[in-house]
Amino acid sequence: MKTPSNALLDDFAAHGISTVIIGGVITSGAVLSAVRQLGDLDFQLFVLEDCCADHDVELHKVLCEKVFPS
């Protein structure tokens, strides 16, 4: 069964996309999940800190300043 994630990844491959720009809500949820999955698949990633948000402001700051850059 083709999941939405697999369909999107297939579309990226078909178009030669290797860089993904990410923004979204919640930084510690969907954004972190996307970063981990796409990072594991060797995509070059850019997380737009100003286009993300989290209920926990300090956690958002730590993810954007320390986790995502690595």
Protein backbone atom coordinates (compact mmCIF):
# COMPACT_ATOMS: atom_id res chain seq x y z
CA MET A 1 0.00 0.00 0.00
CA LYS A 2 1.34 3.41 -0.94
CA THR A 3 1.23 5.83 1.99
CA PRO A 4 1.11 9.61 1.53
CA SER A 5 4.72 9.80 2.77
CA ASN A 6 5.87 7.21 0.22
CA ALA A 7 3.99 8.97 -2.57
CA LEU A 8 5.64 12.27 -1.65
CA LEU A 9 9.10 10.66 -1.50
CA ASP A 10 8.50 9.01 -4.89
CA ASP A 11 7.52 12.41 -6.30
CA PHE A 12 10.69 13.97 -4.87
CA ALA A 13 12.80 11.24 -6.49
CA ALA A 14 11.01 11.58 -9.83
CA HIS A 15 11.76 15.31 -9.88
CA GLY A 16 15.32 15.08 -8.56
CA ILE A 17 14.49 16.96 -5.37
CA SER A 18 17.23 16.61 -2.75
CA THR A 19 16.61 19.74 -0.65
CA VAL A 20 13.53 20.34 1.49
CA ILE A 21 12.53 23.54 3.29
CA ILE A 22 10.41 22.85 6.37
CA GLY A 23 8.04 24.98 8.42
CA GLY A 24 5.07 23.99 10.52
CA VAL A 25 3.40 23.40 13.82
CA ILE A 26 4.34 21.81 16.29
CA THR A 27 8.16 22.11 16.30
CA SER A 28 8.55 19.20 18.73
CA GLY A 29 5.97 17.11 16.84
CA ALA A 30 5.41 17.13 13.10
CA VAL A 31 8.41 19.33 12.31
CA LEU A 32 10.81 17.17 14.32
CA SER A 33 9.33 14.01 12.81
CA ALA A 34 9.77 15.34 9.26
CA VAL A 35 13.33 16.45 9.97
CA ARG A 36 14.25 13.05 11.39
CA GLN A 37 12.68 11.06 8.55
CA LEU A 38 14.03 13.23 5.74
CA GLY A 39 17.44 13.53 7.42
CA ASP A 40 17.65 9.74 7.64
CA LEU A 41 16.96 9.66 3.90
CA ASP A 42 19.88 12.06 3.25
CA PHE A 43 17.88 15.10 2.16
CA GLN A 44 19.46 18.51 2.66
CA LEU A 45 17.13 20.31 5.07
CA PHE A 46 16.37 23.89 6.00
CA VAL A 47 14.01 24.52 8.92
CA LEU A 48 12.48 28.00 8.88
CA GLU A 49 12.50 28.86 12.57
CA ASP A 50 10.12 31.81 12.08
CA CYS A 51 7.67 29.50 10.28
CA CYS A 52 7.49 27.01 13.15
CA ALA A 53 5.88 27.18 16.56
CA ASP A 54 5.52 25.11 19.70
CA HIS A 55 3.56 25.43 22.93
CA ASP A 56 6.88 25.14 24.76
CA VAL A 57 8.91 28.17 23.64
CA GLU A 58 12.13 26.90 25.26
CA LEU A 59 11.85 23.50 23.53
CA HIS A 60 11.26 25.27 20.20
CA LYS A 61 14.41 27.33 20.80
CA VAL A 62 16.54 24.29 21.68
CA LEU A 63 15.35 22.33 18.64
CA CYS A 64 15.97 25.23 16.26
CA GLU A 65 19.31 26.29 17.72
CA LYS A 66 20.91 22.97 18.73
CA VAL A 67 19.14 19.95 17.23
CA PHE A 68 18.13 20.96 13.71
CA PRO A 69 21.48 22.51 12.72
CA SER A 70 23.22 19.22 13.43
